[in-house]
Amino acid sequence: MVTSFMRLPLILRLTGGWILAWITNALLAPVAANFLEMLGLLISVMVGCVLLLAAVGIVFEGVVRSWQMRSGKALVAQALVPAIVIALGVLFLTHPAAELSWQRLHGARDVPIWRWPYQP
């Protein structure tokens, strides 16, 4: 019997996302100007991490099922389509945070998160 990520209880999956988000939060903290901006970055990264974990779980589930059934093409394709959509969602949600962090690291200290992207 194979236990995959998606069979774990929801609370464990969300906890994994929160742990990844807090690690990322420690990396983003030096570039945030104030608490509200840090909160916005944190929420963006947390949602991105949870979606990323879900994408990994979907792909893993598809690979395990295709291996068990010995007809891999259809099930892997069915698993990859939602995983790609989720990965695009991760990029959409975390790109503003990454871009803002990059600009802050290069001296753009007066960029509020609601004025992204920064244009001097």
Protein backbone atom coordinates (compact mmCIF):
# COMPACT_ATOMS: atom_id res chain seq x y z
CA MET A 1 0.00 0.00 0.00
CA VAL A 2 1.43 3.33 -1.10
CA THR A 3 0.77 6.45 0.96
CA SER A 4 1.03 9.61 -1.12
CA PHE A 5 1.08 13.26 -0.22
CA MET A 6 -2.56 13.79 -1.21
CA ARG A 7 -3.72 11.04 1.15
CA LEU A 8 -2.27 12.86 4.14
CA PRO A 9 -4.78 14.77 6.24
CA LEU A 10 -5.39 18.33 5.11
CA ILE A 11 -3.95 19.71 8.35
CA LEU A 12 -0.59 18.03 7.65
CA ARG A 13 -0.48 19.39 4.10
CA LEU A 14 -1.30 22.89 5.29
CA THR A 15 1.24 22.61 8.10
CA GLY A 16 3.91 21.74 5.54
CA GLY A 17 2.94 24.81 3.55
CA TRP A 18 3.12 27.00 6.64
CA ILE A 19 6.57 25.66 7.54
CA LEU A 20 7.87 26.40 4.05
CA ALA A 21 6.29 29.84 4.21
CA TRP A 22 7.91 30.70 7.54
CA ILE A 23 11.31 29.65 6.20
CA THR A 24 10.74 31.88 3.19
CA ASN A 25 9.50 34.61 5.51
CA ALA A 26 12.86 34.63 7.26
CA LEU A 27 14.47 35.27 3.88
CA LEU A 28 12.03 38.06 2.96
CA ALA A 29 12.10 39.89 6.30
CA PRO A 30 15.18 42.04 5.57
CA VAL A 31 13.57 43.54 2.46
CA ALA A 32 10.11 44.38 3.83
CA ALA A 33 9.58 48.03 4.73
CA ASN A 34 6.83 47.62 7.31
CA PHE A 35 4.55 45.11 8.97
CA LEU A 36 1.69 45.33 6.46
CA GLU A 37 4.05 44.80 3.56
CA MET A 38 5.62 41.84 5.33
CA LEU A 39 2.15 40.43 5.94
CA GLY A 40 1.31 40.78 2.25
CA LEU A 41 4.53 39.08 1.21
CA LEU A 42 3.98 36.34 3.78
CA ILE A 43 0.43 35.60 2.62
CA SER A 44 1.57 35.50 -1.00
CA VAL A 45 4.42 33.10 -0.23
CA MET A 46 2.27 30.90 2.04
CA VAL A 47 -0.39 30.45 -0.61
CA GLY A 48 2.32 29.75 -3.16
CA CYS A 49 3.93 27.11 -0.93
CA VAL A 50 0.62 25.36 -0.26
CA LEU A 51 -0.14 25.30 -4.00
CA LEU A 52 3.35 24.01 -4.72
CA LEU A 53 2.93 21.18 -2.21
CA ALA A 54 -0.43 20.34 -3.78
CA ALA A 55 1.18 20.23 -7.24
CA VAL A 56 3.89 17.87 -5.99
CA GLY A 57 1.21 15.67 -4.42
CA ILE A 58 -0.84 15.56 -7.62
CA VAL A 59 2.16 14.56 -9.73
CA PHE A 60 3.25 11.95 -7.18
CA GLU A 61 -0.26 10.51 -7.03
CA GLY A 62 -0.44 10.27 -10.83
CA VAL A 63 2.95 8.59 -11.08
CA VAL A 64 2.09 6.08 -8.35
CA ARG A 65 -1.26 5.22 -9.90
CA SER A 66 0.20 4.86 -13.38
CA TRP A 67 2.95 2.62 -12.04
CA GLN A 68 0.38 0.48 -10.22
CA MET A 69 -1.86 0.14 -13.27
CA ARG A 70 1.00 -0.31 -15.79
CA SER A 71 -0.65 2.12 -18.22
CA GLY A 72 1.25 5.25 -17.45
CA LYS A 73 0.60 7.66 -20.29
CA ALA A 74 -3.00 8.64 -19.62
CA LEU A 75 -2.76 8.93 -15.85
CA VAL A 76 0.53 10.84 -15.88
CA ALA A 77 -1.00 13.26 -18.39
CA GLN A 78 -4.06 13.65 -16.17
CA ALA A 79 -1.80 14.40 -13.22
CA LEU A 80 0.47 16.82 -15.07
CA VAL A 81 -2.27 19.12 -16.39
CA PRO A 82 -3.53 20.24 -12.94
CA ALA A 83 0.05 20.33 -11.66
CA ILE A 84 1.06 22.73 -14.43
CA VAL A 85 -1.96 24.92 -13.71
CA ILE A 86 -1.08 24.97 -10.01
CA ALA A 87 2.57 25.77 -10.81
CA LEU A 88 1.44 28.74 -12.92
CA GLY A 89 -0.67 29.87 -9.98
CA VAL A 90 2.41 29.64 -7.76
CA LEU A 91 4.36 31.83 -10.17
CA PHE A 92 1.50 34.32 -10.38
CA LEU A 93 1.19 34.58 -6.60
CA THR A 94 4.87 34.69 -5.70
CA HIS A 95 6.27 36.77 -8.57
CA PRO A 96 5.27 40.14 -7.03
CA ALA A 97 6.96 39.19 -3.76
CA ALA A 98 10.11 38.06 -5.53
CA GLU A 99 10.21 41.13 -7.76
CA LEU A 100 9.68 43.49 -4.85
CA SER A 101 12.38 41.72 -2.85
CA TRP A 102 14.80 42.01 -5.77
CA GLN A 103 14.09 45.74 -6.12
CA ARG A 104 14.48 46.30 -2.39
CA LEU A 105 17.81 44.49 -2.35
CA HIS A 106 19.02 46.82 -5.09
CA GLY A 107 18.16 50.03 -3.27
CA ALA A 108 14.50 50.75 -4.09
CA ARG A 109 13.50 51.32 -0.45
CA ASP A 110 10.44 53.51 -1.08
CA VAL A 111 8.40 51.00 -3.09
CA PRO A 112 5.10 50.18 -1.39
CA ILE A 113 3.65 46.82 -2.30
CA TRP A 114 0.53 48.40 -3.82
CA ARG A 115 2.71 50.30 -6.38
CA TRP A 116 4.33 47.19 -7.81
CA PRO A 117 6.05 47.08 -10.30
CA TYR A 118 8.50 49.75 -9.28
CA GLN A 119 9.20 52.44 -11.86
CA PRO A 120 11.68 55.14 -10.84
